[in-house]
Amino acid sequence: MAARASRRPPLASLARRWLAVVLVSVIGYAYYHPIRSWLETRQELSSRRAEVGRLANEKRALQDRLQFSASSDALTREARRLGFIRPGEHLFQAWKKAHTTIDGDGK
């Protein structure tokens, strides 16, 4: 029995080991929340940057569209689509068939 008792480390050594385990656990717990918060913030920042990039592309597309729609060609085209004509012009509308009939042969 004396041989078994001698293999066991002294009580002071066990206390130091447990103190080290507890200390490492407390330090790990203390770093867990800030690290988790930092990782979440980094993820949120990444998603916001992606959103800002998407919105910047959309803004450029809208500015290009606005610039084009303000041009005289676009205004003329839209006015023609709405049926406006310039002074002195005559409006001609093209008809596929002058008359339509029930039987579809034009008679």
PDB file of N, CA and C in Angstrom:
ATOM      1  N   MET A   1       0.812  -1.184   0.000  1.00  0.00           N
ATOM      2  CA  MET A   1       0.000   0.000   0.000  1.00  0.00           C
ATOM      3  C   MET A   1       0.858   1.252   0.000  1.00  0.00           C
ATOM      4  N   ALA A   2       2.021   1.164   0.557  1.00  0.00           N
ATOM      5  CA  ALA A   2       2.938   2.292   0.587  1.00  0.00           C
ATOM      6  C   ALA A   2       3.415   2.623  -0.811  1.00  0.00           C
ATOM      7  N   ALA A   3       3.473   1.621  -1.695  1.00  0.00           N
ATOM      8  CA  ALA A   3       3.906   1.847  -3.070  1.00  0.00           C
ATOM      9  C   ALA A   3       2.871   2.656  -3.832  1.00  0.00           C
ATOM     10  N   ARG A   4       1.605   2.378  -3.575  1.00  0.00           N
ATOM     11  CA  ARG A   4       0.539   3.143  -4.242  1.00  0.00           C
ATOM     12  C   ARG A   4       0.495   4.581  -3.740  1.00  0.00           C
ATOM     13  N   ALA A   5       0.667   4.799  -2.527  1.00  0.00           N
ATOM     14  CA  ALA A   5       0.628   6.144  -1.962  1.00  0.00           C
ATOM     15  C   ALA A   5       1.779   6.983  -2.462  1.00  0.00           C
ATOM     16  N   SER A   6       2.894   6.376  -2.753  1.00  0.00           N
ATOM     17  CA  SER A   6       4.027   7.141  -3.220  1.00  0.00           C
ATOM     18  C   SER A   6       3.866   7.554  -4.679  1.00  0.00           C
ATOM     19  N   ARG A   7       3.029   6.843  -5.434  1.00  0.00           N
ATOM     20  CA  ARG A   7       2.823   7.218  -6.845  1.00  0.00           C
ATOM     21  C   ARG A   7       1.918   8.437  -6.973  1.00  0.00           C
ATOM     22  N   ARG A   8       1.106   8.686  -6.013  1.00  0.00           N
ATOM     23  CA  ARG A   8       0.201   9.828  -6.063  1.00  0.00           C
ATOM     24  C   ARG A   8       0.982  11.118  -5.854  1.00  0.00           C
ATOM     25  N   PRO A   9       0.724  12.171  -6.728  1.00  0.00           N
ATOM     26  CA  PRO A   9       1.457  13.429  -6.546  1.00  0.00           C
ATOM     27  C   PRO A   9       1.048  14.115  -5.241  1.00  0.00           C
ATOM     28  N   PRO A  10       1.908  14.965  -4.754  1.00  0.00           N
ATOM     29  CA  PRO A  10       1.571  15.668  -3.513  1.00  0.00           C
ATOM     30  C   PRO A  10       0.358  16.580  -3.698  1.00  0.00           C
ATOM     31  N   LEU A  11      -0.305  16.873  -2.612  1.00  0.00           N
ATOM     32  CA  LEU A  11      -1.520  17.687  -2.625  1.00  0.00           C
ATOM     33  C   LEU A  11      -1.258  19.078  -3.205  1.00  0.00           C
ATOM     34  N   ALA A  12      -0.151  19.670  -2.931  1.00  0.00           N
ATOM     35  CA  ALA A  12       0.193  21.000  -3.457  1.00  0.00           C
ATOM     36  C   ALA A  12       0.305  20.958  -4.971  1.00  0.00           C
ATOM     37  N   SER A  13       0.843  19.881  -5.510  1.00  0.00           N
ATOM     38  CA  SER A  13       0.972  19.746  -6.956  1.00  0.00           C
ATOM     39  C   SER A  13      -0.403  19.600  -7.614  1.00  0.00           C
ATOM     40  N   LEU A  14      -1.283  18.814  -6.992  1.00  0.00           N
ATOM     41  CA  LEU A  14      -2.650  18.680  -7.523  1.00  0.00           C
ATOM     42  C   LEU A  14      -3.388  20.012  -7.480  1.00  0.00           C
ATOM     43  N   ALA A  15      -3.218  20.737  -6.386  1.00  0.00           N
ATOM     44  CA  ALA A  15      -3.881  22.046  -6.259  1.00  0.00           C
ATOM     45  C   ALA A  15      -3.395  23.006  -7.344  1.00  0.00           C
ATOM     46  N   ARG A  16      -2.100  22.992  -7.636  1.00  0.00           N
ATOM     47  CA  ARG A  16      -1.584  23.868  -8.695  1.00  0.00           C
ATOM     48  C   ARG A  16      -2.140  23.476 -10.063  1.00  0.00           C
ATOM     49  N   ARG A  17      -2.247  22.185 -10.307  1.00  0.00           N
ATOM     50  CA  ARG A  17      -2.793  21.726 -11.591  1.00  0.00           C
ATOM     51  C   ARG A  17      -4.250  22.180 -11.756  1.00  0.00           C
ATOM     52  N   TRP A  18      -5.052  21.969 -10.691  1.00  0.00           N
ATOM     53  CA  TRP A  18      -6.449  22.384 -10.778  1.00  0.00           C
ATOM     54  C   TRP A  18      -6.567  23.907 -10.873  1.00  0.00           C
ATOM     55  N   LEU A  19      -5.719  24.605 -10.185  1.00  0.00           N
ATOM     56  CA  LEU A  19      -5.717  26.068 -10.291  1.00  0.00           C
ATOM     57  C   LEU A  19      -5.386  26.491 -11.716  1.00  0.00           C
ATOM     58  N   ALA A  20      -4.432  25.808 -12.343  1.00  0.00           N
ATOM     59  CA  ALA A  20      -4.083  26.126 -13.732  1.00  0.00           C
ATOM     60  C   ALA A  20      -5.253  25.826 -14.661  1.00  0.00           C
ATOM     61  N   VAL A  21      -5.941  24.715 -14.448  1.00  0.00           N
ATOM     62  CA  VAL A  21      -7.102  24.361 -15.278  1.00  0.00           C
ATOM     63  C   VAL A  21      -8.209  25.396 -15.114  1.00  0.00           C
ATOM     64  N   VAL A  22      -8.486  25.777 -13.889  1.00  0.00           N
ATOM     65  CA  VAL A  22      -9.524  26.778 -13.628  1.00  0.00           C
ATOM     66  C   VAL A  22      -9.120  28.116 -14.232  1.00  0.00           C
ATOM     67  N   LEU A  23      -7.870  28.500 -14.083  1.00  0.00           N
ATOM     68  CA  LEU A  23      -7.390  29.776 -14.626  1.00  0.00           C
ATOM     69  C   LEU A  23      -7.501  29.802 -16.150  1.00  0.00           C
ATOM     70  N   VAL A  24      -7.102  28.710 -16.795  1.00  0.00           N
ATOM     71  CA  VAL A  24      -7.224  28.634 -18.261  1.00  0.00           C
ATOM     72  C   VAL A  24      -8.690  28.684 -18.670  1.00  0.00           C
ATOM     73  N   SER A  25      -9.553  28.025 -17.927  1.00  0.00           N
ATOM     74  CA  SER A  25     -10.988  28.048 -18.240  1.00  0.00           C
ATOM     75  C   SER A  25     -11.570  29.451 -18.097  1.00  0.00           C
ATOM     76  N   VAL A  26     -11.202  30.144 -17.046  1.00  0.00           N
ATOM     77  CA  VAL A  26     -11.702  31.511 -16.827  1.00  0.00           C
ATOM     78  C   VAL A  26     -11.189  32.440 -17.922  1.00  0.00           C
ATOM     79  N   ILE A  27      -9.938  32.328 -18.272  1.00  0.00           N
ATOM     80  CA  ILE A  27      -9.382  33.172 -19.339  1.00  0.00           C
ATOM     81  C   ILE A  27     -10.068  32.853 -20.671  1.00  0.00           C
ATOM     82  N   GLY A  28     -10.272  31.569 -20.951  1.00  0.00           N
ATOM     83  CA  GLY A  28     -10.972  31.187 -22.182  1.00  0.00           C
ATOM     84  C   GLY A  28     -12.380  31.743 -22.223  1.00  0.00           C
ATOM     85  N   TYR A  29     -13.082  31.661 -21.104  1.00  0.00           N
ATOM     86  CA  TYR A  29     -14.442  32.207 -21.043  1.00  0.00           C
ATOM     87  C   TYR A  29     -14.428  33.726 -21.212  1.00  0.00           C
ATOM     88  N   ALA A  30     -13.422  34.373 -20.635  1.00  0.00           N
ATOM     89  CA  ALA A  30     -13.325  35.833 -20.747  1.00  0.00           C
ATOM     90  C   ALA A  30     -13.054  36.260 -22.192  1.00  0.00           C
ATOM     91  N   TYR A  31     -12.338  35.456 -22.962  1.00  0.00           N
ATOM     92  CA  TYR A  31     -12.043  35.798 -24.353  1.00  0.00           C
ATOM     93  C   TYR A  31     -13.134  35.337 -25.313  1.00  0.00           C
ATOM     94  N   TYR A  32     -13.983  34.425 -24.884  1.00  0.00           N
ATOM     95  CA  TYR A  32     -14.996  33.861 -25.769  1.00  0.00           C
ATOM     96  C   TYR A  32     -15.963  34.924 -26.283  1.00  0.00           C
ATOM     97  N   HIS A  33     -16.533  35.713 -25.412  1.00  0.00           N
ATOM     98  CA  HIS A  33     -17.532  36.698 -25.813  1.00  0.00           C
ATOM     99  C   HIS A  33     -16.963  37.796 -26.714  1.00  0.00           C
ATOM    100  N   PRO A  34     -15.837  38.390 -26.400  1.00  0.00           N
ATOM    101  CA  PRO A  34     -15.292  39.401 -27.316  1.00  0.00           C
ATOM    102  C   PRO A  34     -14.914  38.824 -28.683  1.00  0.00           C
ATOM    103  N   ILE A  35     -14.385  37.613 -28.697  1.00  0.00           N
ATOM    104  CA  ILE A  35     -14.014  37.005 -29.980  1.00  0.00           C
ATOM    105  C   ILE A  35     -15.269  36.701 -30.795  1.00  0.00           C
ATOM    106  N   ARG A  36     -16.295  36.178 -30.134  1.00  0.00           N
ATOM    107  CA  ARG A  36     -17.550  35.904 -30.832  1.00  0.00           C
ATOM    108  C   ARG A  36     -18.166  37.200 -31.376  1.00  0.00           C
ATOM    109  N   SER A  37     -18.141  38.237 -30.573  1.00  0.00           N
ATOM    110  CA  SER A  37     -18.660  39.537 -31.005  1.00  0.00           C
ATOM    111  C   SER A  37     -17.861  40.074 -32.190  1.00  0.00           C
ATOM    112  N   TRP A  38     -16.551  39.925 -32.130  1.00  0.00           N
ATOM    113  CA  TRP A  38     -15.697  40.392 -33.230  1.00  0.00           C
ATOM    114  C   TRP A  38     -16.006  39.634 -34.514  1.00  0.00           C
ATOM    115  N   LEU A  39     -16.181  38.312 -34.416  1.00  0.00           N
ATOM    116  CA  LEU A  39     -16.494  37.513 -35.604  1.00  0.00           C
ATOM    117  C   LEU A  39     -17.856  37.888 -36.185  1.00  0.00           C
ATOM    118  N   GLU A  40     -18.849  38.101 -35.328  1.00  0.00           N
ATOM    119  CA  GLU A  40     -20.169  38.517 -35.802  1.00  0.00           C
ATOM    120  C   GLU A  40     -20.103  39.889 -36.464  1.00  0.00           C
ATOM    121  N   THR A  41     -19.341  40.798 -35.879  1.00  0.00           N
ATOM    122  CA  THR A  41     -19.197  42.136 -36.450  1.00  0.00           C
ATOM    123  C   THR A  41     -18.496  42.069 -37.802  1.00  0.00           C
ATOM    124  N   ARG A  42     -17.486  41.230 -37.900  1.00  0.00           N
ATOM    125  CA  ARG A  42     -16.781  41.065 -39.170  1.00  0.00           C
ATOM    126  C   ARG A  42     -17.709  40.500 -40.248  1.00  0.00           C
ATOM    127  N   GLN A  43     -18.557  39.544 -39.871  1.00  0.00           N
ATOM    128  CA  GLN A  43     -19.537  38.985 -40.814  1.00  0.00           C
ATOM    129  C   GLN A  43     -20.531  40.050 -41.255  1.00  0.00           C
ATOM    130  N   GLU A  44     -21.027  40.831 -40.309  1.00  0.00           N
ATOM    131  CA  GLU A  44     -21.978  41.903 -40.624  1.00  0.00           C
ATOM    132  C   GLU A  44     -21.331  42.949 -41.533  1.00  0.00           C
ATOM    133  N   LEU A  45     -20.077  43.288 -41.264  1.00  0.00           N
ATOM    134  CA  LEU A  45     -19.357  44.251 -42.098  1.00  0.00           C
ATOM    135  C   LEU A  45     -19.203  43.720 -43.518  1.00  0.00           C
ATOM    136  N   SER A  46     -18.905  42.454 -43.637  1.00  0.00           N
ATOM    137  CA  SER A  46     -18.761  41.843 -44.961  1.00  0.00           C
ATOM    138  C   SER A  46     -20.072  41.892 -45.732  1.00  0.00           C
ATOM    139  N   SER A  47     -21.167  41.579 -45.065  1.00  0.00           N
ATOM    140  CA  SER A  47     -22.462  41.616 -45.762  1.00  0.00           C
ATOM    141  C   SER A  47     -22.850  43.050 -46.113  1.00  0.00           C
ATOM    142  N   ARG A  48     -22.535  43.997 -45.251  1.00  0.00           N
ATOM    143  CA  ARG A  48     -22.831  45.406 -45.556  1.00  0.00           C
ATOM    144  C   ARG A  48     -22.005  45.898 -46.742  1.00  0.00           C
ATOM    145  N   ARG A  49     -20.751  45.477 -46.801  1.00  0.00           N
ATOM    146  CA  ARG A  49     -19.912  45.873 -47.942  1.00  0.00           C
ATOM    147  C   ARG A  49     -20.473  45.319 -49.239  1.00  0.00           C
ATOM    148  N   ALA A  50     -20.942  44.087 -49.208  1.00  0.00           N
ATOM    149  CA  ALA A  50     -21.544  43.491 -50.394  1.00  0.00           C
ATOM    150  C   ALA A  50     -22.803  44.262 -50.796  1.00  0.00           C
ATOM    151  N   GLU A  51     -23.599  44.651 -49.808  1.00  0.00           N
ATOM    152  CA  GLU A  51     -24.809  45.416 -50.085  1.00  0.00           C
ATOM    153  C   GLU A  51     -24.472  46.794 -50.662  1.00  0.00           C
ATOM    154  N   VAL A  52     -23.441  47.424 -50.109  1.00  0.00           N
ATOM    155  CA  VAL A  52     -23.023  48.736 -50.622  1.00  0.00           C
ATOM    156  C   VAL A  52     -22.547  48.611 -52.061  1.00  0.00           C
ATOM    157  N   GLY A  53     -21.802  47.556 -52.371  1.00  0.00           N
ATOM    158  CA  GLY A  53     -21.359  47.338 -53.755  1.00  0.00           C
ATOM    159  C   GLY A  53     -22.518  47.133 -54.699  1.00  0.00           C
ATOM    160  N   ARG A  54     -23.510  46.349 -54.263  1.00  0.00           N
ATOM    161  CA  ARG A  54     -24.699  46.117 -55.095  1.00  0.00           C
ATOM    162  C   ARG A  54     -25.476  47.413 -55.307  1.00  0.00           C
ATOM    163  N   LEU A  55     -25.627  48.194 -54.240  1.00  0.00           N
ATOM    164  CA  LEU A  55     -26.343  49.462 -54.363  1.00  0.00           C
ATOM    165  C   LEU A  55     -25.580  50.466 -55.222  1.00  0.00           C
ATOM    166  N   ALA A  56     -24.254  50.449 -55.167  1.00  0.00           N
ATOM    167  CA  ALA A  56     -23.450  51.341 -56.015  1.00  0.00           C
ATOM    168  C   ALA A  56     -23.640  50.982 -57.486  1.00  0.00           C
ATOM    169  N   ASN A  57     -23.677  49.684 -57.787  1.00  0.00           N
ATOM    170  CA  ASN A  57     -23.930  49.263 -59.174  1.00  0.00           C
ATOM    171  C   ASN A  57     -25.317  49.675 -59.622  1.00  0.00           C
ATOM    172  N   GLU A  58     -26.294  49.522 -58.747  1.00  0.00           N
ATOM    173  CA  GLU A  58     -27.664  49.923 -59.087  1.00  0.00           C
ATOM    174  C   GLU A  58     -27.754  51.431 -59.296  1.00  0.00           C
ATOM    175  N   LYS A  59     -27.029  52.194 -58.475  1.00  0.00           N
ATOM    176  CA  LYS A  59     -27.028  53.652 -58.622  1.00  0.00           C
ATOM    177  C   LYS A  59     -26.423  54.055 -59.962  1.00  0.00           C
ATOM    178  N   ARG A  60     -25.300  53.401 -60.338  1.00  0.00           N
ATOM    179  CA  ARG A  60     -24.693  53.710 -61.637  1.00  0.00           C
ATOM    180  C   ARG A  60     -25.652  53.398 -62.781  1.00  0.00           C
ATOM    181  N   ALA A  61     -26.345  52.269 -62.685  1.00  0.00           N
ATOM    182  CA  ALA A  61     -27.292  51.890 -63.737  1.00  0.00           C
ATOM    183  C   ALA A  61     -28.430  52.900 -63.808  1.00  0.00           C
ATOM    184  N   LEU A  62     -28.926  53.330 -62.666  1.00  0.00           N
ATOM    185  CA  LEU A  62     -30.008  54.324 -62.663  1.00  0.00           C
ATOM    186  C   LEU A  62     -29.535  55.677 -63.179  1.00  0.00           C
ATOM    187  N   GLN A  63     -28.308  56.060 -62.848  1.00  0.00           N
ATOM    188  CA  GLN A  63     -27.788  57.326 -63.367  1.00  0.00           C
ATOM    189  C   GLN A  63     -27.622  57.265 -64.881  1.00  0.00           C
ATOM    190  N   ASP A  64     -27.131  56.125 -65.388  1.00  0.00           N
ATOM    191  CA  ASP A  64     -27.019  55.961 -66.839  1.00  0.00           C
ATOM    192  C   ASP A  64     -28.389  56.028 -67.495  1.00  0.00           C
ATOM    193  N   ARG A  65     -29.359  55.372 -66.861  1.00  0.00           N
ATOM    194  CA  ARG A  65     -30.727  55.382 -67.406  1.00  0.00           C
ATOM    195  C   ARG A  65     -31.309  56.790 -67.387  1.00  0.00           C
ATOM    196  N   LEU A  66     -31.067  57.520 -66.303  1.00  0.00           N
ATOM    197  CA  LEU A  66     -31.551  58.899 -66.203  1.00  0.00           C
ATOM    198  C   LEU A  66     -30.895  59.779 -67.258  1.00  0.00           C
ATOM    199  N   GLN A  67     -29.604  59.621 -67.429  1.00  0.00           N
ATOM    200  CA  GLN A  67     -28.893  60.422 -68.428  1.00  0.00           C
ATOM    201  C   GLN A  67     -29.427  60.122 -69.833  1.00  0.00           C
ATOM    202  N   PHE A  68     -29.675  58.844 -70.116  1.00  0.00           N
ATOM    203  CA  PHE A  68     -30.206  58.477 -71.429  1.00  0.00           C
ATOM    204  C   PHE A  68     -31.618  59.002 -71.608  1.00  0.00           C
ATOM    205  N   SER A  69     -32.453  58.889 -70.555  1.00  0.00           N
ATOM    206  CA  SER A  69     -33.845  59.311 -70.701  1.00  0.00           C
ATOM    207  C   SER A  69     -33.969  60.826 -70.829  1.00  0.00           C
ATOM    208  N   ALA A  70     -32.968  61.563 -70.376  1.00  0.00           N
ATOM    209  CA  ALA A  70     -33.003  63.021 -70.501  1.00  0.00           C
ATOM    210  C   ALA A  70     -32.502  63.490 -71.868  1.00  0.00           C
ATOM    211  N   SER A  71     -31.986  62.561 -72.670  1.00  0.00           N
ATOM    212  CA  SER A  71     -31.487  62.963 -73.988  1.00  0.00           C
ATOM    213  C   SER A  71     -32.659  63.255 -74.926  1.00  0.00           C
ATOM    214  N   SER A  72     -32.409  64.043 -75.951  1.00  0.00           N
ATOM    215  CA  SER A  72     -33.477  64.433 -76.872  1.00  0.00           C
ATOM    216  C   SER A  72     -33.980  63.244 -77.679  1.00  0.00           C
ATOM    217  N   ASP A  73     -33.096  62.295 -78.000  1.00  0.00           N
ATOM    218  CA  ASP A  73     -33.539  61.106 -78.734  1.00  0.00           C
ATOM    219  C   ASP A  73     -34.547  60.301 -77.920  1.00  0.00           C
ATOM    220  N   ALA A  74     -34.271  60.124 -76.647  1.00  0.00           N
ATOM    221  CA  ALA A  74     -35.184  59.355 -75.799  1.00  0.00           C
ATOM    222  C   ALA A  74     -36.504  60.090 -75.629  1.00  0.00           C
ATOM    223  N   LEU A  75     -36.441  61.397 -75.462  1.00  0.00           N
ATOM    224  CA  LEU A  75     -37.674  62.168 -75.323  1.00  0.00           C
ATOM    225  C   LEU A  75     -38.505  62.110 -76.603  1.00  0.00           C
ATOM    226  N   THR A  76     -37.848  62.213 -77.745  1.00  0.00           N
ATOM    227  CA  THR A  76     -38.553  62.118 -79.025  1.00  0.00           C
ATOM    228  C   THR A  76     -39.188  60.750 -79.189  1.00  0.00           C
ATOM    229  N   ARG A  77     -38.452  59.708 -78.860  1.00  0.00           N
ATOM    230  CA  ARG A  77     -38.961  58.345 -78.987  1.00  0.00           C
ATOM    231  C   ARG A  77     -40.180  58.130 -78.085  1.00  0.00           C
ATOM    232  N   GLU A  78     -40.103  58.617 -76.856  1.00  0.00           N
ATOM    233  CA  GLU A  78     -41.225  58.463 -75.925  1.00  0.00           C
ATOM    234  C   GLU A  78     -42.435  59.277 -76.394  1.00  0.00           C
ATOM    235  N   ALA A  79     -42.197  60.477 -76.929  1.00  0.00           N
ATOM    236  CA  ALA A  79     -43.298  61.293 -77.442  1.00  0.00           C
ATOM    237  C   ALA A  79     -43.967  60.595 -78.622  1.00  0.00           C
ATOM    238  N   ARG A  80     -43.189  59.987 -79.498  1.00  0.00           N
ATOM    239  CA  ARG A  80     -43.755  59.246 -80.633  1.00  0.00           C
ATOM    240  C   ARG A  80     -44.577  58.061 -80.133  1.00  0.00           C
ATOM    241  N   ARG A  81     -44.069  57.393 -79.114  1.00  0.00           N
ATOM    242  CA  ARG A  81     -44.792  56.242 -78.569  1.00  0.00           C
ATOM    243  C   ARG A  81     -46.143  56.675 -77.986  1.00  0.00           C
ATOM    244  N   LEU A  82     -46.193  57.874 -77.409  1.00  0.00           N
ATOM    245  CA  LEU A  82     -47.437  58.384 -76.849  1.00  0.00           C
ATOM    246  C   LEU A  82     -48.360  58.983 -77.909  1.00  0.00           C
ATOM    247  N   GLY A  83     -47.882  59.108 -79.157  1.00  0.00           N
ATOM    248  CA  GLY A  83     -48.725  59.600 -80.238  1.00  0.00           C
ATOM    249  C   GLY A  83     -48.563  61.077 -80.537  1.00  0.00           C
ATOM    250  N   PHE A  84     -47.583  61.733 -79.959  1.00  0.00           N
ATOM    251  CA  PHE A  84     -47.354  63.148 -80.255  1.00  0.00           C
ATOM    252  C   PHE A  84     -46.641  63.269 -81.603  1.00  0.00           C
ATOM    253  N   ILE A  85     -46.938  64.362 -82.285  1.00  0.00           N
ATOM    254  CA  ILE A  85     -46.267  64.636 -83.554  1.00  0.00           C
ATOM    255  C   ILE A  85     -45.724  66.053 -83.518  1.00  0.00           C
ATOM    256  N   ARG A  86     -44.762  66.332 -84.400  1.00  0.00           N
ATOM    257  CA  ARG A  86     -44.203  67.676 -84.488  1.00  0.00           C
ATOM    258  C   ARG A  86     -45.129  68.553 -85.316  1.00  0.00           C
ATOM    259  N   PRO A  87     -45.047  69.836 -85.098  1.00  0.00           N
ATOM    260  CA  PRO A  87     -45.881  70.734 -85.908  1.00  0.00           C
ATOM    261  C   PRO A  87     -45.557  70.562 -87.399  1.00  0.00           C
ATOM    262  N   GLY A  88     -46.588  70.452 -88.182  1.00  0.00           N
ATOM    263  CA  GLY A  88     -46.412  70.290 -89.619  1.00  0.00           C
ATOM    264  C   GLY A  88     -46.369  68.842 -90.070  1.00  0.00           C
ATOM    265  N   GLU A  89     -46.278  67.895 -89.172  1.00  0.00           N
ATOM    266  CA  GLU A  89     -46.259  66.483 -89.538  1.00  0.00           C
ATOM    267  C   GLU A  89     -47.680  65.930 -89.543  1.00  0.00           C
ATOM    268  N   HIS A  90     -47.858  64.856 -90.287  1.00  0.00           N
ATOM    269  CA  HIS A  90     -49.138  64.168 -90.327  1.00  0.00           C
ATOM    270  C   HIS A  90     -48.956  62.786 -89.731  1.00  0.00           C
ATOM    271  N   LEU A  91     -49.931  62.382 -88.946  1.00  0.00           N
ATOM    272  CA  LEU A  91     -49.857  61.088 -88.293  1.00  0.00           C
ATOM    273  C   LEU A  91     -50.465  60.027 -89.181  1.00  0.00           C
ATOM    274  N   PHE A  92     -49.690  59.002 -89.517  1.00  0.00           N
ATOM    275  CA  PHE A  92     -50.173  57.878 -90.293  1.00  0.00           C
ATOM    276  C   PHE A  92     -50.067  56.638 -89.414  1.00  0.00           C
ATOM    277  N   GLN A  93     -51.153  55.917 -89.366  1.00  0.00           N
ATOM    278  CA  GLN A  93     -51.135  54.684 -88.600  1.00  0.00           C
ATOM    279  C   GLN A  93     -51.243  53.521 -89.562  1.00  0.00           C
ATOM    280  N   ALA A  94     -50.396  52.561 -89.383  1.00  0.00           N
ATOM    281  CA  ALA A  94     -50.392  51.391 -90.265  1.00  0.00           C
ATOM    282  C   ALA A  94     -51.366  50.362 -89.707  1.00  0.00           C
ATOM    283  N   TRP A  95     -52.187  49.851 -90.611  1.00  0.00           N
ATOM    284  CA  TRP A  95     -53.140  48.822 -90.224  1.00  0.00           C
ATOM    285  C   TRP A  95     -52.771  47.542 -90.956  1.00  0.00           C
ATOM    286  N   LYS A  96     -52.818  46.436 -90.235  1.00  0.00           N
ATOM    287  CA  LYS A  96     -52.497  45.178 -90.887  1.00  0.00           C
ATOM    288  C   LYS A  96     -53.590  44.797 -91.874  1.00  0.00           C
ATOM    289  N   LYS A  97     -54.806  44.977 -91.480  1.00  0.00           N
ATOM    290  CA  LYS A  97     -55.933  44.707 -92.372  1.00  0.00           C
ATOM    291  C   LYS A  97     -56.903  45.861 -92.251  1.00  0.00           C
ATOM    292  N   ALA A  98     -57.435  46.256 -93.343  1.00  0.00           N
ATOM    293  CA  ALA A  98     -58.394  47.349 -93.311  1.00  0.00           C
ATOM    294  C   ALA A  98     -59.683  46.894 -92.649  1.00  0.00           C
ATOM    295  N   HIS A  99     -60.069  45.681 -92.910  1.00  0.00           N
ATOM    296  CA  HIS A  99     -61.303  45.152 -92.322  1.00  0.00           C
ATOM    297  C   HIS A  99     -61.045  43.720 -91.861  1.00  0.00           C
ATOM    298  N   THR A 100     -61.610  43.397 -90.782  1.00  0.00           N
ATOM    299  CA  THR A 100     -61.528  42.008 -90.335  1.00  0.00           C
ATOM    300  C   THR A 100     -62.907  41.403 -90.394  1.00  0.00           C
ATOM    301  N   THR A 101     -62.952  40.156 -90.700  1.00  0.00           N
ATOM    302  CA  THR A 101     -64.248  39.470 -90.781  1.00  0.00           C
ATOM    303  C   THR A 101     -64.233  38.246 -89.887  1.00  0.00           C
ATOM    304  N   ILE A 102     -65.368  37.669 -89.723  1.00  0.00           N
ATOM    305  CA  ILE A 102     -65.494  36.508 -88.859  1.00  0.00           C
ATOM    306  C   ILE A 102     -64.785  35.297 -89.485  1.00  0.00           C
ATOM    307  N   ASP A 103     -64.914  35.139 -90.810  1.00  0.00           N
ATOM    308  CA  ASP A 103     -64.296  33.971 -91.421  1.00  0.00           C
ATOM    309  C   ASP A 103     -62.793  34.132 -91.633  1.00  0.00           C
ATOM    310  N   GLY A 104     -62.244  35.323 -91.496  1.00  0.00           N
ATOM    311  CA  GLY A 104     -60.811  35.536 -91.531  1.00  0.00           C
ATOM    312  C   GLY A 104     -60.215  35.655 -92.922  1.00  0.00           C
ATOM    313  N   ASP A 105     -61.018  35.597 -94.007  1.00  0.00           N
ATOM    314  CA  ASP A 105     -60.438  35.703 -95.345  1.00  0.00           C
ATOM    315  C   ASP A 105     -60.510  37.115 -95.901  1.00  0.00           C
ATOM    316  N   GLY A 106     -60.991  38.079 -95.138  1.00  0.00           N
ATOM    317  CA  GLY A 106     -61.019  39.455 -95.571  1.00  0.00           C
ATOM    318  C   GLY A 106     -62.214  39.813 -96.433  1.00  0.00           C
ATOM    319  N   LYS A 107     -63.189  38.928 -96.579  1.00  0.00           N
ATOM    320  CA  LYS A 107     -64.375  39.212 -97.430  1.00  0.00           C
ATOM    321  C   LYS A 107     -65.546  39.575 -96.604  1.00  0.00           C
TER     322      LYS A 107
END
